[in-house]
């Protein structure tokens, strides 16, 4: 998804350099205002960053997340998700992340 934004930036740069870009097809790419600004000085992930990542992944997986152990199709549409504490959200998301990573990771990580 984010690769589409990179591809668009490269296409615009190539055109600026005088090259012809015949066609660029992108799908599921965020609009520029949806892309988070770089945080080059960040030394750790904040709780807000972690929550955004969990919701983004669960939202992208949608109903496919159910096969990975999720009972929530999209966190923004789920009262269950909204009522969870941050720690409960980590516990809910951890098994899905483990499957995606194909790696054992404890909830604390």
PDB file of N, CA and C in Angstrom:
ATOM      1  N   UNK A   1       0.813  -1.193   0.000  1.00  0.00           N
ATOM      2  CA  UNK A   1       0.000   0.000   0.000  1.00  0.00           C
ATOM      3  C   UNK A   1       0.857   1.259   0.000  1.00  0.00           C
ATOM      4  N   UNK A   2       1.800   1.329   0.915  1.00  0.00           N
ATOM      5  CA  UNK A   2       2.655   2.510   0.981  1.00  0.00           C
ATOM      6  C   UNK A   2       3.576   2.588  -0.233  1.00  0.00           C
ATOM      7  N   UNK A   3       3.851   1.443  -0.846  1.00  0.00           N
ATOM      8  CA  UNK A   3       4.690   1.422  -2.045  1.00  0.00           C
ATOM      9  C   UNK A   3       4.101   2.247  -3.165  1.00  0.00           C
ATOM     10  N   UNK A   4       2.776   2.380  -3.206  1.00  0.00           N
ATOM     11  CA  UNK A   4       2.128   3.208  -4.219  1.00  0.00           C
ATOM     12  C   UNK A   4       2.516   4.665  -4.079  1.00  0.00           C
ATOM     13  N   UNK A   5       2.619   5.138  -2.823  1.00  0.00           N
ATOM     14  CA  UNK A   5       3.043   6.525  -2.590  1.00  0.00           C
ATOM     15  C   UNK A   5       4.480   6.727  -3.036  1.00  0.00           C
ATOM     16  N   UNK A   6       5.319   5.722  -2.796  1.00  0.00           N
ATOM     17  CA  UNK A   6       6.718   5.792  -3.237  1.00  0.00           C
ATOM     18  C   UNK A   6       6.780   5.767  -4.761  1.00  0.00           C
ATOM     19  N   UNK A   7       6.009   4.891  -5.384  1.00  0.00           N
ATOM     20  CA  UNK A   7       5.987   4.815  -6.849  1.00  0.00           C
ATOM     21  C   UNK A   7       5.521   6.131  -7.466  1.00  0.00           C
ATOM     22  N   UNK A   8       4.524   6.763  -6.856  1.00  0.00           N
ATOM     23  CA  UNK A   8       4.032   8.047  -7.355  1.00  0.00           C
ATOM     24  C   UNK A   8       5.116   9.118  -7.244  1.00  0.00           C
ATOM     25  N   UNK A   9       5.802   9.148  -6.119  1.00  0.00           N
ATOM     26  CA  UNK A   9       6.878  10.131  -5.937  1.00  0.00           C
ATOM     27  C   UNK A   9       7.984   9.929  -6.963  1.00  0.00           C
ATOM     28  N   UNK A  10       8.327   8.681  -7.230  1.00  0.00           N
ATOM     29  CA  UNK A  10       9.363   8.393  -8.221  1.00  0.00           C
ATOM     30  C   UNK A  10       8.893   8.795  -9.614  1.00  0.00           C
ATOM     31  N   UNK A  11       7.639   8.494  -9.954  1.00  0.00           N
ATOM     32  CA  UNK A  11       7.100   8.861 -11.270  1.00  0.00           C
ATOM     33  C   UNK A  11       7.119  10.378 -11.448  1.00  0.00           C
ATOM     34  N   UNK A  12       6.732  11.106 -10.424  1.00  0.00           N
ATOM     35  CA  UNK A  12       6.753  12.569 -10.513  1.00  0.00           C
ATOM     36  C   UNK A  12       8.175  13.094 -10.676  1.00  0.00           C
ATOM     37  N   UNK A  13       9.109  12.488  -9.975  1.00  0.00           N
ATOM     38  CA  UNK A  13      10.511  12.891 -10.097  1.00  0.00           C
ATOM     39  C   UNK A  13      11.041  12.596 -11.495  1.00  0.00           C
ATOM     40  N   UNK A  14      10.710  11.428 -12.032  1.00  0.00           N
ATOM     41  CA  UNK A  14      11.138  11.085 -13.394  1.00  0.00           C
ATOM     42  C   UNK A  14      10.582  12.080 -14.408  1.00  0.00           C
ATOM     43  N   UNK A  15       9.312  12.448 -14.254  1.00  0.00           N
ATOM     44  CA  UNK A  15       8.720  13.433 -15.161  1.00  0.00           C
ATOM     45  C   UNK A  15       9.407  14.791 -15.006  1.00  0.00           C
ATOM     46  N   UNK A  16       9.739  15.152 -13.790  1.00  0.00           N
ATOM     47  CA  UNK A  16      10.451  16.407 -13.546  1.00  0.00           C
ATOM     48  C   UNK A  16      11.809  16.414 -14.247  1.00  0.00           C
ATOM     49  N   UNK A  17      12.428  15.249 -14.362  1.00  0.00           N
ATOM     50  CA  UNK A  17      13.724  15.120 -15.027  1.00  0.00           C
ATOM     51  C   UNK A  17      13.588  14.991 -16.542  1.00  0.00           C
ATOM     52  N   UNK A  18      12.342  15.033 -17.034  1.00  0.00           N
ATOM     53  CA  UNK A  18      12.128  15.000 -18.472  1.00  0.00           C
ATOM     54  C   UNK A  18      11.791  13.644 -19.049  1.00  0.00           C
ATOM     55  N   UNK A  19      11.622  12.648 -18.231  1.00  0.00           N
ATOM     56  CA  UNK A  19      11.260  11.302 -18.703  1.00  0.00           C
ATOM     57  C   UNK A  19       9.746  11.201 -18.845  1.00  0.00           C
ATOM     58  N   UNK A  20       9.300  10.354 -19.773  1.00  0.00           N
ATOM     59  CA  UNK A  20       7.875  10.086 -19.920  1.00  0.00           C
ATOM     60  C   UNK A  20       7.495   8.897 -19.038  1.00  0.00           C
ATOM     61  N   UNK A  21       6.455   9.071 -18.269  1.00  0.00           N
ATOM     62  CA  UNK A  21       5.896   7.976 -17.482  1.00  0.00           C
ATOM     63  C   UNK A  21       4.557   7.664 -18.120  1.00  0.00           C
ATOM     64  N   UNK A  22       4.487   6.527 -18.796  1.00  0.00           N
ATOM     65  CA  UNK A  22       3.303   6.190 -19.562  1.00  0.00           C
ATOM     66  C   UNK A  22       2.082   5.941 -18.700  1.00  0.00           C
ATOM     67  N   UNK A  23       2.224   5.123 -17.681  1.00  0.00           N
ATOM     68  CA  UNK A  23       1.084   4.762 -16.855  1.00  0.00           C
ATOM     69  C   UNK A  23       1.594   4.284 -15.503  1.00  0.00           C
ATOM     70  N   UNK A  24       0.966   4.754 -14.473  1.00  0.00           N
ATOM     71  CA  UNK A  24       1.263   4.284 -13.132  1.00  0.00           C
ATOM     72  C   UNK A  24      -0.066   3.882 -12.506  1.00  0.00           C
ATOM     73  N   UNK A  25      -0.197   2.608 -12.200  1.00  0.00           N
ATOM     74  CA  UNK A  25      -1.424   2.104 -11.599  1.00  0.00           C
ATOM     75  C   UNK A  25      -1.113   1.756 -10.150  1.00  0.00           C
ATOM     76  N   UNK A  26      -1.852   2.361  -9.252  1.00  0.00           N
ATOM     77  CA  UNK A  26      -1.671   2.066  -7.837  1.00  0.00           C
ATOM     78  C   UNK A  26      -3.023   1.708  -7.231  1.00  0.00           C
ATOM     79  N   UNK A  27      -2.978   0.816  -6.263  1.00  0.00           N
ATOM     80  CA  UNK A  27      -4.207   0.383  -5.598  1.00  0.00           C
ATOM     81  C   UNK A  27      -3.978   0.402  -4.100  1.00  0.00           C
ATOM     82  N   UNK A  28      -5.008   0.780  -3.364  1.00  0.00           N
ATOM     83  CA  UNK A  28      -4.968   0.723  -1.914  1.00  0.00           C
ATOM     84  C   UNK A  28      -3.826   1.570  -1.344  1.00  0.00           C
ATOM     85  N   UNK A  29      -3.569   2.685  -1.984  1.00  0.00           N
ATOM     86  CA  UNK A  29      -2.516   3.582  -1.533  1.00  0.00           C
ATOM     87  C   UNK A  29      -3.146   4.762  -0.816  1.00  0.00           C
ATOM     88  N   UNK A  30      -2.574   5.132   0.319  1.00  0.00           N
ATOM     89  CA  UNK A  30      -3.157   6.271   1.041  1.00  0.00           C
ATOM     90  C   UNK A  30      -2.973   7.573   0.278  1.00  0.00           C
ATOM     91  N   UNK A  31      -3.903   8.485   0.508  1.00  0.00           N
ATOM     92  CA  UNK A  31      -3.760   9.825  -0.042  1.00  0.00           C
ATOM     93  C   UNK A  31      -2.646  10.530   0.728  1.00  0.00           C
ATOM     94  N   UNK A  32      -2.012  11.536   0.158  1.00  0.00           N
ATOM     95  CA  UNK A  32      -0.890  12.201   0.851  1.00  0.00           C
ATOM     96  C   UNK A  32      -1.232  12.659   2.268  1.00  0.00           C
ATOM     97  N   UNK A  33      -2.449  13.141   2.483  1.00  0.00           N
ATOM     98  CA  UNK A  33      -2.802  13.615   3.823  1.00  0.00           C
ATOM     99  C   UNK A  33      -3.004  12.470   4.816  1.00  0.00           C
ATOM    100  N   UNK A  34      -3.059  11.215   4.313  1.00  0.00           N
ATOM    101  CA  UNK A  34      -3.214  10.061   5.187  1.00  0.00           C
ATOM    102  C   UNK A  34      -1.869   9.467   5.600  1.00  0.00           C
ATOM    103  N   UNK A  35      -0.799   9.908   4.975  1.00  0.00           N
ATOM    104  CA  UNK A  35       0.518   9.370   5.274  1.00  0.00           C
ATOM    105  C   UNK A  35       1.102  10.135   6.455  1.00  0.00           C
ATOM    106  N   UNK A  36       1.528   9.401   7.443  1.00  0.00           N
ATOM    107  CA  UNK A  36       2.097  10.025   8.633  1.00  0.00           C
ATOM    108  C   UNK A  36       3.419  10.700   8.302  1.00  0.00           C
ATOM    109  N   UNK A  37       3.690  11.829   8.941  1.00  0.00           N
ATOM    110  CA  UNK A  37       4.978  12.480   8.725  1.00  0.00           C
ATOM    111  C   UNK A  37       6.108  11.630   9.294  1.00  0.00           C
ATOM    112  N   UNK A  38       7.284  11.768   8.710  1.00  0.00           N
ATOM    113  CA  UNK A  38       8.448  11.049   9.214  1.00  0.00           C
ATOM    114  C   UNK A  38       8.753  11.499  10.633  1.00  0.00           C
ATOM    115  N   UNK A  39       9.290  10.595  11.405  1.00  0.00           N
ATOM    116  CA  UNK A  39       9.704  10.886  12.772  1.00  0.00           C
ATOM    117  C   UNK A  39      11.159  10.474  12.936  1.00  0.00           C
ATOM    118  N   UNK A  40      12.083  11.173  12.264  1.00  0.00           N
ATOM    119  CA  UNK A  40      13.480  10.724  12.268  1.00  0.00           C
ATOM    120  C   UNK A  40      14.132  10.745  13.648  1.00  0.00           C
ATOM    121  N   UNK A  41      13.611  11.534  14.574  1.00  0.00           N
ATOM    122  CA  UNK A  41      14.215  11.608  15.901  1.00  0.00           C
ATOM    123  C   UNK A  41      13.564  10.672  16.913  1.00  0.00           C
ATOM    124  N   UNK A  42      12.559   9.924  16.488  1.00  0.00           N
ATOM    125  CA  UNK A  42      11.870   9.014  17.407  1.00  0.00           C
ATOM    126  C   UNK A  42      12.818   7.892  17.816  1.00  0.00           C
ATOM    127  N   UNK A  43      12.816   7.590  19.099  1.00  0.00           N
ATOM    128  CA  UNK A  43      13.682   6.518  19.606  1.00  0.00           C
ATOM    129  C   UNK A  43      12.885   5.291  20.025  1.00  0.00           C
ATOM    130  N   UNK A  44      11.565   5.455  20.128  1.00  0.00           N
ATOM    131  CA  UNK A  44      10.731   4.317  20.492  1.00  0.00           C
ATOM    132  C   UNK A  44       9.309   4.543  19.976  1.00  0.00           C
ATOM    133  N   UNK A  45       8.576   3.466  19.966  1.00  0.00           N
ATOM    134  CA  UNK A  45       7.190   3.502  19.526  1.00  0.00           C
ATOM    135  C   UNK A  45       6.308   3.943  20.681  1.00  0.00           C
ATOM    136  N   UNK A  46       5.450   4.926  20.441  1.00  0.00           N
ATOM    137  CA  UNK A  46       4.527   5.365  21.483  1.00  0.00           C
ATOM    138  C   UNK A  46       3.319   4.435  21.515  1.00  0.00           C
ATOM    139  N   UNK A  47       2.519   4.525  22.576  1.00  0.00           N
ATOM    140  CA  UNK A  47       1.291   3.735  22.647  1.00  0.00           C
ATOM    141  C   UNK A  47       0.363   4.103  21.497  1.00  0.00           C
ATOM    142  N   UNK A  48       0.320   5.388  21.153  1.00  0.00           N
ATOM    143  CA  UNK A  48      -0.518   5.835  20.034  1.00  0.00           C
ATOM    144  C   UNK A  48      -0.049   5.212  18.718  1.00  0.00           C
ATOM    145  N   UNK A  49       1.275   5.140  18.517  1.00  0.00           N
ATOM    146  CA  UNK A  49       1.824   4.510  17.309  1.00  0.00           C
ATOM    147  C   UNK A  49       1.451   3.033  17.248  1.00  0.00           C
ATOM    148  N   UNK A  50       1.600   2.344  18.384  1.00  0.00           N
ATOM    149  CA  UNK A  50       1.296   0.908  18.429  1.00  0.00           C
ATOM    150  C   UNK A  50      -0.182   0.656  18.157  1.00  0.00           C
ATOM    151  N   UNK A  51      -1.047   1.470  18.754  1.00  0.00           N
ATOM    152  CA  UNK A  51      -2.485   1.318  18.540  1.00  0.00           C
ATOM    153  C   UNK A  51      -2.836   1.565  17.074  1.00  0.00           C
ATOM    154  N   UNK A  52      -2.237   2.590  16.486  1.00  0.00           N
ATOM    155  CA  UNK A  52      -2.497   2.877  15.074  1.00  0.00           C
ATOM    156  C   UNK A  52      -2.072   1.708  14.193  1.00  0.00           C
ATOM    157  N   UNK A  53      -0.917   1.107  14.491  1.00  0.00           N
ATOM    158  CA  UNK A  53      -0.431  -0.033  13.707  1.00  0.00           C
ATOM    159  C   UNK A  53      -1.371  -1.227  13.845  1.00  0.00           C
ATOM    160  N   UNK A  54      -1.797  -1.519  15.084  1.00  0.00           N
ATOM    161  CA  UNK A  54      -2.713  -2.643  15.280  1.00  0.00           C
ATOM    162  C   UNK A  54      -4.010  -2.426  14.510  1.00  0.00           C
ATOM    163  N   UNK A  55      -4.571  -1.227  14.611  1.00  0.00           N
ATOM    164  CA  UNK A  55      -5.836  -0.948  13.921  1.00  0.00           C
ATOM    165  C   UNK A  55      -5.656  -0.972  12.410  1.00  0.00           C
ATOM    166  N   UNK A  56      -4.519  -0.494  11.929  1.00  0.00           N
ATOM    167  CA  UNK A  56      -4.268  -0.497  10.491  1.00  0.00           C
ATOM    168  C   UNK A  56      -4.187  -1.939   9.970  1.00  0.00           C
ATOM    169  N   UNK A  57      -3.461  -2.791  10.690  1.00  0.00           N
ATOM    170  CA  UNK A  57      -3.309  -4.186  10.250  1.00  0.00           C
ATOM    171  C   UNK A  57      -4.635  -4.924  10.342  1.00  0.00           C
ATOM    172  N   UNK A  58      -5.347  -4.777  11.458  1.00  0.00           N
ATOM    173  CA  UNK A  58      -6.648  -5.445  11.583  1.00  0.00           C
ATOM    174  C   UNK A  58      -7.620  -4.942  10.518  1.00  0.00           C
ATOM    175  N   UNK A  59      -7.602  -3.636  10.259  1.00  0.00           N
ATOM    176  CA  UNK A  59      -8.476  -3.068   9.234  1.00  0.00           C
ATOM    177  C   UNK A  59      -8.142  -3.585   7.856  1.00  0.00           C
ATOM    178  N   UNK A  60      -6.836  -3.710   7.563  1.00  0.00           N
ATOM    179  CA  UNK A  60      -6.408  -4.197   6.248  1.00  0.00           C
ATOM    180  C   UNK A  60      -6.764  -5.673   6.069  1.00  0.00           C
ATOM    181  N   UNK A  61      -6.616  -6.454   7.133  1.00  0.00           N
ATOM    182  CA  UNK A  61      -6.956  -7.875   7.051  1.00  0.00           C
ATOM    183  C   UNK A  61      -8.461  -8.075   6.940  1.00  0.00           C
ATOM    184  N   UNK A  62      -9.214  -7.173   7.561  1.00  0.00           N
ATOM    185  CA  UNK A  62     -10.667  -7.270   7.509  1.00  0.00           C
ATOM    186  C   UNK A  62     -11.151  -8.624   7.978  1.00  0.00           C
ATOM    187  N   UNK A  63     -12.069  -9.177   7.258  1.00  0.00           N
ATOM    188  CA  UNK A  63     -12.644 -10.462   7.655  1.00  0.00           C
ATOM    189  C   UNK A  63     -11.628 -11.593   7.568  1.00  0.00           C
ATOM    190  N   UNK A  64     -10.529 -11.397   6.829  1.00  0.00           N
ATOM    191  CA  UNK A  64      -9.490 -12.419   6.787  1.00  0.00           C
ATOM    192  C   UNK A  64      -8.834 -12.607   8.148  1.00  0.00           C
ATOM    193  N   UNK A  65      -8.876 -11.560   8.991  1.00  0.00           N
ATOM    194  CA  UNK A  65      -8.279 -11.656  10.317  1.00  0.00           C
ATOM    195  C   UNK A  65      -8.992 -12.696  11.172  1.00  0.00           C
ATOM    196  N   UNK A  66     -10.256 -12.997  10.857  1.00  0.00           N
ATOM    197  CA  UNK A  66     -11.001 -13.994  11.622  1.00  0.00           C
ATOM    198  C   UNK A  66     -10.292 -15.338  11.534  1.00  0.00           C
ATOM    199  N   UNK A  67      -9.760 -15.655  10.364  1.00  0.00           N
ATOM    200  CA  UNK A  67      -9.014 -16.903  10.192  1.00  0.00           C
ATOM    201  C   UNK A  67      -7.703 -16.909  10.955  1.00  0.00           C
ATOM    202  N   UNK A  68      -7.232 -15.719  11.352  1.00  0.00           N
ATOM    203  CA  UNK A  68      -6.002 -15.627  12.125  1.00  0.00           C
ATOM    204  C   UNK A  68      -6.293 -15.524  13.621  1.00  0.00           C
ATOM    205  N   UNK A  69      -7.529 -15.728  14.007  1.00  0.00           N
ATOM    206  CA  UNK A  69      -7.887 -15.702  15.408  1.00  0.00           C
ATOM    207  C   UNK A  69      -8.627 -14.449  15.840  1.00  0.00           C
ATOM    208  N   UNK A  70      -8.959 -13.581  14.920  1.00  0.00           N
ATOM    209  CA  UNK A  70      -9.635 -12.338  15.268  1.00  0.00           C
ATOM    210  C   UNK A  70     -11.133 -12.495  15.141  1.00  0.00           C
ATOM    211  N   UNK A  71     -11.848 -11.924  16.088  1.00  0.00           N
ATOM    212  CA  UNK A  71     -13.313 -11.920  16.001  1.00  0.00           C
ATOM    213  C   UNK A  71     -13.812 -10.561  15.530  1.00  0.00           C
ATOM    214  N   UNK A  72     -12.889  -9.652  15.225  1.00  0.00           N
ATOM    215  CA  UNK A  72     -13.230  -8.292  14.849  1.00  0.00           C
ATOM    216  C   UNK A  72     -12.889  -8.066  13.374  1.00  0.00           C
ATOM    217  N   UNK A  73     -13.873  -7.659  12.580  1.00  0.00           N
ATOM    218  CA  UNK A  73     -13.623  -7.401  11.164  1.00  0.00           C
ATOM    219  C   UNK A  73     -12.870  -6.089  10.963  1.00  0.00           C
ATOM    220  N   UNK A  74     -13.242  -5.049  11.685  1.00  0.00           N
ATOM    221  CA  UNK A  74     -12.520  -3.781  11.624  1.00  0.00           C
ATOM    222  C   UNK A  74     -12.654  -3.097  12.974  1.00  0.00           C
ATOM    223  N   UNK A  75     -11.526  -2.691  13.573  1.00  0.00           N
ATOM    224  CA  UNK A  75     -11.591  -2.139  14.921  1.00  0.00           C
ATOM    225  C   UNK A  75     -12.484  -0.909  15.049  1.00  0.00           C
ATOM    226  N   UNK A  76     -12.556  -0.083  14.028  1.00  0.00           N
ATOM    227  CA  UNK A  76     -13.375   1.126  14.126  1.00  0.00           C
ATOM    228  C   UNK A  76     -14.864   0.827  14.132  1.00  0.00           C
ATOM    229  N   UNK A  77     -15.231  -0.396  13.728  1.00  0.00           N
ATOM    230  CA  UNK A  77     -16.636  -0.786  13.690  1.00  0.00           C
ATOM    231  C   UNK A  77     -17.012  -1.692  14.859  1.00  0.00           C
ATOM    232  N   UNK A  78     -16.086  -1.902  15.775  1.00  0.00           N
ATOM    233  CA  UNK A  78     -16.302  -2.900  16.816  1.00  0.00           C
ATOM    234  C   UNK A  78     -16.400  -2.273  18.204  1.00  0.00           C
ATOM    235  N   UNK A  79     -17.532  -2.483  18.836  1.00  0.00           N
ATOM    236  CA  UNK A  79     -17.690  -2.027  20.215  1.00  0.00           C
ATOM    237  C   UNK A  79     -16.773  -2.826  21.136  1.00  0.00           C
ATOM    238  N   UNK A  80     -16.563  -4.107  20.779  1.00  0.00           N
ATOM    239  CA  UNK A  80     -15.658  -4.949  21.577  1.00  0.00           C
ATOM    240  C   UNK A  80     -14.266  -4.309  21.626  1.00  0.00           C
ATOM    241  N   UNK A  81     -13.741  -3.917  20.469  1.00  0.00           N
ATOM    242  CA  UNK A  81     -12.409  -3.308  20.392  1.00  0.00           C
ATOM    243  C   UNK A  81     -12.383  -1.977  21.150  1.00  0.00           C
ATOM    244  N   UNK A  82     -13.386  -1.174  20.943  1.00  0.00           N
ATOM    245  CA  UNK A  82     -13.424   0.147  21.571  1.00  0.00           C
ATOM    246  C   UNK A  82     -13.469   0.056  23.094  1.00  0.00           C
ATOM    247  N   UNK A  83     -14.066  -1.012  23.616  1.00  0.00           N
ATOM    248  CA  UNK A  83     -14.204  -1.145  25.069  1.00  0.00           C
ATOM    249  C   UNK A  83     -12.971  -1.766  25.723  1.00  0.00           C
ATOM    250  N   UNK A  84     -12.013  -2.252  24.941  1.00  0.00           N
ATOM    251  CA  UNK A  84     -10.819  -2.894  25.500  1.00  0.00           C
ATOM    252  C   UNK A  84      -9.827  -1.856  26.007  1.00  0.00           C
ATOM    253  N   UNK A  85      -9.105  -2.222  27.059  1.00  0.00           N
ATOM    254  CA  UNK A  85      -7.974  -1.412  27.507  1.00  0.00           C
ATOM    255  C   UNK A  85      -6.835  -1.613  26.505  1.00  0.00           C
ATOM    256  N   UNK A  86      -5.825  -0.776  26.584  1.00  0.00           N
ATOM    257  CA  UNK A  86      -4.696  -0.925  25.665  1.00  0.00           C
ATOM    258  C   UNK A  86      -4.030  -2.283  25.840  1.00  0.00           C
ATOM    259  N   UNK A  87      -3.880  -2.740  27.081  1.00  0.00           N
ATOM    260  CA  UNK A  87      -3.261  -4.033  27.324  1.00  0.00           C
ATOM    261  C   UNK A  87      -4.102  -5.159  26.729  1.00  0.00           C
ATOM    262  N   UNK A  88      -5.424  -5.061  26.835  1.00  0.00           N
ATOM    263  CA  UNK A  88      -6.299  -6.078  26.233  1.00  0.00           C
ATOM    264  C   UNK A  88      -6.162  -6.075  24.716  1.00  0.00           C
ATOM    265  N   UNK A  89      -5.984  -4.902  24.133  1.00  0.00           N
ATOM    266  CA  UNK A  89      -5.784  -4.815  22.679  1.00  0.00           C
ATOM    267  C   UNK A  89      -4.487  -5.495  22.280  1.00  0.00           C
ATOM    268  N   UNK A  90      -3.412  -5.291  23.078  1.00  0.00           N
ATOM    269  CA  UNK A  90      -2.154  -5.992  22.806  1.00  0.00           C
ATOM    270  C   UNK A  90      -2.358  -7.499  22.878  1.00  0.00           C
ATOM    271  N   UNK A  91      -3.057  -7.973  23.922  1.00  0.00           N
ATOM    272  CA  UNK A  91      -3.297  -9.409  24.080  1.00  0.00           C
ATOM    273  C   UNK A  91      -4.132  -9.968  22.937  1.00  0.00           C
ATOM    274  N   UNK A  92      -5.101  -9.209  22.470  1.00  0.00           N
ATOM    275  CA  UNK A  92      -5.945  -9.614  21.348  1.00  0.00           C
ATOM    276  C   UNK A  92      -5.118  -9.705  20.062  1.00  0.00           C
ATOM    277  N   UNK A  93      -4.246  -8.722  19.860  1.00  0.00           N
ATOM    278  CA  UNK A  93      -3.497  -8.603  18.606  1.00  0.00           C
ATOM    279  C   UNK A  93      -2.291  -9.540  18.545  1.00  0.00           C
ATOM    280  N   UNK A  94      -1.704  -9.864  19.685  1.00  0.00           N
ATOM    281  CA  UNK A  94      -0.462 -10.653  19.707  1.00  0.00           C
ATOM    282  C   UNK A  94      -0.533 -11.958  18.907  1.00  0.00           C
ATOM    283  N   UNK A  95      -1.599 -12.780  19.039  1.00  0.00           N
ATOM    284  CA  UNK A  95      -1.635 -14.021  18.252  1.00  0.00           C
ATOM    285  C   UNK A  95      -1.691 -13.769  16.741  1.00  0.00           C
ATOM    286  N   UNK A  96      -2.361 -12.704  16.347  1.00  0.00           N
ATOM    287  CA  UNK A  96      -2.440 -12.363  14.919  1.00  0.00           C
ATOM    288  C   UNK A  96      -1.063 -11.956  14.417  1.00  0.00           C
ATOM    289  N   UNK A  97      -0.363 -11.152  15.204  1.00  0.00           N
ATOM    290  CA  UNK A  97       0.989 -10.710  14.833  1.00  0.00           C
ATOM    291  C   UNK A  97       1.928 -11.906  14.750  1.00  0.00           C
ATOM    292  N   UNK A  98       1.796 -12.857  15.698  1.00  0.00           N
ATOM    293  CA  UNK A  98       2.653 -14.051  15.673  1.00  0.00           C
ATOM    294  C   UNK A  98       2.454 -14.837  14.377  1.00  0.00           C
ATOM    295  N   UNK A  99       1.190 -15.002  13.972  1.00  0.00           N
ATOM    296  CA  UNK A  99       0.901 -15.737  12.736  1.00  0.00           C
ATOM    297  C   UNK A  99       1.470 -14.995  11.541  1.00  0.00           C
ATOM    298  N   UNK A 100       1.304 -13.679  11.531  1.00  0.00           N
ATOM    299  CA  UNK A 100       1.804 -12.884  10.412  1.00  0.00           C
ATOM    300  C   UNK A 100       3.325 -12.947  10.330  1.00  0.00           C
ATOM    301  N   UNK A 101       3.987 -12.942  11.479  1.00  0.00           N
ATOM    302  CA  UNK A 101       5.449 -12.948  11.524  1.00  0.00           C
ATOM    303  C   UNK A 101       6.012 -14.359  11.439  1.00  0.00           C
ATOM    304  N   UNK A 102       5.169 -15.372  11.662  1.00  0.00           N
ATOM    305  CA  UNK A 102       5.621 -16.756  11.731  1.00  0.00           C
ATOM    306  C   UNK A 102       6.739 -16.870  12.754  1.00  0.00           C
ATOM    307  N   UNK A 103       6.534 -16.222  13.903  1.00  0.00           N
ATOM    308  CA  UNK A 103       7.576 -16.130  14.914  1.00  0.00           C
ATOM    309  C   UNK A 103       6.899 -16.042  16.275  1.00  0.00           C
ATOM    310  N   UNK A 104       7.434 -16.724  17.243  1.00  0.00           N
ATOM    311  CA  UNK A 104       6.871 -16.645  18.591  1.00  0.00           C
ATOM    312  C   UNK A 104       7.263 -15.312  19.208  1.00  0.00           C
ATOM    313  N   UNK A 105       6.277 -14.571  19.684  1.00  0.00           N
ATOM    314  CA  UNK A 105       6.536 -13.289  20.331  1.00  0.00           C
ATOM    315  C   UNK A 105       5.592 -13.176  21.513  1.00  0.00           C
ATOM    316  N   UNK A 106       6.147 -12.992  22.707  1.00  0.00           N
ATOM    317  CA  UNK A 106       5.260 -12.845  23.862  1.00  0.00           C
ATOM    318  C   UNK A 106       4.508 -11.512  23.824  1.00  0.00           C
ATOM    319  N   UNK A 107       3.404 -11.455  24.539  1.00  0.00           N
ATOM    320  CA  UNK A 107       2.572 -10.257  24.584  1.00  0.00           C
ATOM    321  C   UNK A 107       3.405  -9.050  25.001  1.00  0.00           C
ATOM    322  N   UNK A 108       4.344  -9.254  25.931  1.00  0.00           N
ATOM    323  CA  UNK A 108       5.158  -8.140  26.430  1.00  0.00           C
ATOM    324  C   UNK A 108       5.934  -7.453  25.309  1.00  0.00           C
ATOM    325  N   UNK A 109       6.370  -8.197  24.306  1.00  0.00           N
ATOM    326  CA  UNK A 109       7.079  -7.583  23.182  1.00  0.00           C
ATOM    327  C   UNK A 109       6.168  -6.710  22.385  1.00  0.00           C
TER     328      UNK A 109
END
